[in-house]
C-alpha cells in the first residue's frame, strides 16, 4: 500500500508541517487528513440536523395550521389564553 504524491507544493507543505510538529511525513499526512475528515463530518452532520429541524418544523406547521383556521385573528387567539380581568392565564 502506498501513496505517491507528485506535486512539489504538496511535498513542501507536508515537509514544513512535519518539521513544525516534529513528526514524520506519514504521521503529518495522517493527522492532517484525520482532522479534515472530522471537520467535514461535523459540517455534514450539522447540515443534516438543520434539514431535520426544518422538516420537523414543516411537519408541525402542517399539523397545527388547521387549528388556526377558525377565522380568529392572532390577537384574538392570544387574548383567549388570558383572563380579561386579571391578565392571568385561563
Protein backbone atom coordinates (compact mmCIF):
# COMPACT_ATOMS: atom_id res chain seq x y z
CA UNK A 1 0.00 0.00 0.00
CA UNK A 2 1.38 3.40 -0.83
CA UNK A 3 0.67 6.98 -1.59
CA UNK A 4 2.83 8.70 -4.17
CA UNK A 5 2.37 12.46 -4.22
CA UNK A 6 3.95 14.06 -7.27
CA UNK A 7 3.05 17.64 -6.53
CA UNK A 8 6.06 19.66 -5.32
CA UNK A 9 3.97 22.24 -3.45
CA UNK A 10 2.18 19.49 -1.51
CA UNK A 11 5.52 17.88 -0.64
CA UNK A 12 6.87 21.18 0.60
CA UNK A 13 3.77 21.94 2.67
CA UNK A 14 3.83 18.48 4.28
CA UNK A 15 7.55 18.77 4.94
CA UNK A 16 7.10 22.17 6.59
CA UNK A 17 4.21 20.97 8.74
CA UNK A 18 6.12 17.84 9.74
CA UNK A 19 9.09 19.94 10.75
CA UNK A 20 6.94 22.34 12.79
CA UNK A 21 5.34 19.44 14.66
CA UNK A 22 8.50 17.30 14.81
CA UNK A 23 6.72 14.36 13.20
CA UNK A 24 7.27 12.12 10.20
CA UNK A 25 5.77 12.89 6.81
CA UNK A 26 3.44 9.92 7.16
CA UNK A 27 2.24 10.98 10.61
CA UNK A 28 1.76 14.54 9.38
CA UNK A 29 -0.34 13.48 6.40
CA UNK A 30 -2.35 11.07 8.56
CA UNK A 31 -3.10 13.73 11.18
CA UNK A 32 -3.98 16.37 8.57
CA UNK A 33 -6.37 14.02 6.78
CA UNK A 34 -7.90 12.86 10.08
CA UNK A 35 -8.53 16.48 11.17
CA UNK A 36 -10.02 17.38 7.77
CA UNK A 37 -12.31 14.34 7.89
CA UNK A 38 -13.50 15.27 11.39
CA UNK A 39 -14.29 18.83 10.29
CA UNK A 40 -16.08 17.69 7.13
CA UNK A 41 -18.09 15.05 9.01
CA UNK A 42 -19.08 17.59 11.68
CA UNK A 43 -20.16 20.06 8.99
CA UNK A 44 -22.14 17.37 7.17
CA UNK A 45 -23.81 16.30 10.43
CA UNK A 46 -24.66 19.91 11.27
CA UNK A 47 -26.25 20.38 7.85
CA UNK A 48 -28.15 17.14 8.31
CA UNK A 49 -29.52 18.38 11.64
CA UNK A 50 -30.62 21.65 10.07
CA UNK A 51 -32.56 19.76 7.42
CA UNK A 52 -34.10 17.57 10.07
CA UNK A 53 -35.15 20.58 12.16
CA UNK A 54 -36.62 22.22 9.09
CA UNK A 55 -38.51 19.07 8.18
CA UNK A 56 -39.80 18.71 11.73
CA UNK A 57 -40.97 22.31 11.79
CA UNK A 58 -42.72 21.86 8.45
CA UNK A 59 -44.49 18.76 9.79
CA UNK A 60 -45.52 20.60 12.96
CA UNK A 61 -46.80 23.54 10.92
CA UNK A 62 -48.86 21.23 8.73
CA UNK A 63 -50.41 19.63 11.81
CA UNK A 64 -51.03 22.90 13.66
CA UNK A 65 -52.29 25.03 10.76
CA UNK A 66 -55.85 23.62 10.73
CA UNK A 67 -56.23 24.58 14.39
CA UNK A 68 -55.91 28.26 13.47
CA UNK A 69 -58.38 28.38 10.59
CA UNK A 70 -61.48 29.28 12.57
CA UNK A 71 -61.50 32.93 11.50
CA UNK A 72 -59.99 34.41 14.66
CA UNK A 73 -57.04 36.79 14.41
CA UNK A 74 -53.73 36.15 16.13
CA UNK A 75 -54.60 38.71 18.81
CA UNK A 76 -57.93 37.03 19.46
CA UNK A 77 -56.25 33.66 19.83
CA UNK A 78 -53.73 35.09 22.30
CA UNK A 79 -56.40 37.00 24.23
CA UNK A 80 -58.39 33.78 24.63
CA UNK A 81 -55.47 32.36 26.62
CA UNK A 82 -55.70 35.02 29.36
CA UNK A 83 -58.39 36.22 31.75
CA UNK A 84 -59.52 39.74 30.81
CA UNK A 85 -59.80 40.98 34.37
CA UNK A 86 -56.64 39.54 35.93
CA UNK A 87 -54.42 39.08 32.88
CA UNK A 88 -53.51 35.63 34.20
CA UNK A 89 -53.62 32.51 32.08
CA UNK A 90 -57.04 30.85 32.00
